[in-house]
Amino acid sequence: MGAVNLLLWAGGIVLIVIGYRRARGPWSRYQALKAQDENIARYESWRGGVRDDGKTGASVAMELLRRQARTGGAIAIGGFVLVFLGFLIR
């Protein structure tokens, strides 16, 4: 175990924490908006109304939140790769 291994592990752990923290908030807000959108769709279907499938402010916000969560997830995956490389390199 050398200094390179320790640096890779430390860097990987830092990236995992940063990625998780960046993805957690947008993902939970995305899930809440998605549940609200599904609830509205059920209600409108129950009423017999036709739902307009055009772009809404909520759909734009959901796409933005999904993109932010994906970015945070990619950072965390990069951290896992660094930790794995830290174990792989001898």
Protein backbone atom coordinates (compact mmCIF):
# COMPACT_ATOMS: atom_id res chain seq x y z
CA MET A 1 0.00 0.00 0.00
CA GLY A 2 1.56 3.21 -1.14
CA ALA A 3 0.88 6.88 -1.26
CA VAL A 4 -0.81 6.54 -4.66
CA ASN A 5 -3.34 4.10 -3.22
CA LEU A 6 -4.13 6.39 -0.33
CA LEU A 7 -4.54 9.38 -2.65
CA LEU A 8 -6.87 7.44 -4.94
CA TRP A 9 -8.95 6.24 -2.00
CA ALA A 10 -9.16 9.69 -0.46
CA GLY A 11 -9.99 11.32 -3.79
CA GLY A 12 -12.58 8.66 -4.53
CA ILE A 13 -14.27 9.03 -1.16
CA VAL A 14 -14.36 12.81 -1.56
CA LEU A 15 -15.93 12.47 -5.03
CA ILE A 16 -18.49 9.97 -3.74
CA VAL A 17 -19.55 12.34 -0.96
CA ILE A 18 -19.69 15.34 -3.31
CA GLY A 19 -21.65 13.40 -5.93
CA TYR A 20 -24.11 12.07 -3.37
CA ARG A 21 -24.70 15.50 -1.89
CA ARG A 22 -25.18 17.04 -5.35
CA ALA A 23 -27.61 14.33 -6.48
CA ARG A 24 -29.66 13.91 -3.29
CA GLY A 25 -31.58 17.20 -3.35
CA PRO A 26 -32.52 17.34 -7.03
CA TRP A 27 -33.48 13.65 -7.05
CA SER A 28 -35.87 13.99 -4.12
CA ARG A 29 -37.45 17.10 -5.63
CA TYR A 30 -37.74 15.32 -8.99
CA GLN A 31 -39.53 12.39 -7.32
CA ALA A 32 -41.95 14.79 -5.61
CA LEU A 33 -42.75 16.58 -8.89
CA LYS A 34 -43.16 13.25 -10.67
CA ALA A 35 -45.59 11.99 -8.01
CA GLN A 36 -47.56 15.23 -8.21
CA ASP A 37 -47.70 15.00 -12.02
CA GLU A 38 -48.94 11.39 -11.83
CA ASN A 39 -51.57 12.41 -9.30
CA ILE A 40 -52.82 15.19 -11.58
CA ALA A 41 -52.94 12.75 -14.51
CA ARG A 42 -55.02 10.28 -12.45
CA TYR A 43 -57.38 13.04 -11.36
CA GLU A 44 -57.89 14.35 -14.88
CA SER A 45 -58.43 10.82 -16.18
CA TRP A 46 -61.02 10.25 -13.44
CA ARG A 47 -62.81 13.45 -14.43
CA GLY A 48 -62.82 12.34 -18.05
CA GLY A 49 -60.83 15.31 -19.28
CA VAL A 50 -58.18 15.21 -21.93
CA ARG A 51 -54.74 16.16 -20.69
CA ASP A 52 -52.57 18.39 -22.82
CA ASP A 53 -49.19 16.67 -23.25
CA GLY A 54 -47.37 19.90 -24.10
CA LYS A 55 -44.38 21.26 -22.27
CA THR A 56 -45.19 22.71 -18.87
CA GLY A 57 -43.09 24.51 -16.31
CA ALA A 58 -43.12 21.37 -14.17
CA SER A 59 -41.86 19.18 -17.02
CA VAL A 60 -39.02 21.63 -17.69
CA ALA A 61 -38.15 21.67 -13.98
CA MET A 62 -38.26 17.86 -13.86
CA GLU A 63 -35.82 17.64 -16.78
CA LEU A 64 -33.48 20.14 -15.12
CA LEU A 65 -33.60 18.25 -11.81
CA ARG A 66 -33.04 14.94 -13.58
CA ARG A 67 -29.98 16.39 -15.34
CA GLN A 68 -28.59 17.71 -12.04
CA ALA A 69 -29.12 14.33 -10.37
CA ARG A 70 -27.40 12.58 -13.28
CA THR A 71 -24.42 14.91 -12.96
CA GLY A 72 -24.13 14.18 -9.24
CA GLY A 73 -24.44 10.46 -9.95
CA ALA A 74 -21.67 10.65 -12.56
CA ILE A 75 -19.39 12.38 -10.04
CA ALA A 76 -20.12 9.63 -7.48
CA ILE A 77 -19.43 6.93 -10.07
CA GLY A 78 -16.11 8.61 -10.81
CA GLY A 79 -15.35 8.38 -7.10
CA PHE A 80 -16.15 4.67 -7.06
CA VAL A 81 -13.82 4.19 -10.02
CA LEU A 82 -11.01 5.96 -8.17
CA VAL A 83 -11.55 3.80 -5.07
CA PHE A 84 -11.53 0.67 -7.25
CA LEU A 85 -8.32 1.82 -8.96
CA GLY A 86 -6.81 2.40 -5.52
CA PHE A 87 -7.37 -1.26 -4.72
CA LEU A 88 -6.30 -2.43 -8.19
CA ILE A 89 -2.97 -0.62 -8.35
CA ARG A 90 -0.19 -2.29 -6.37
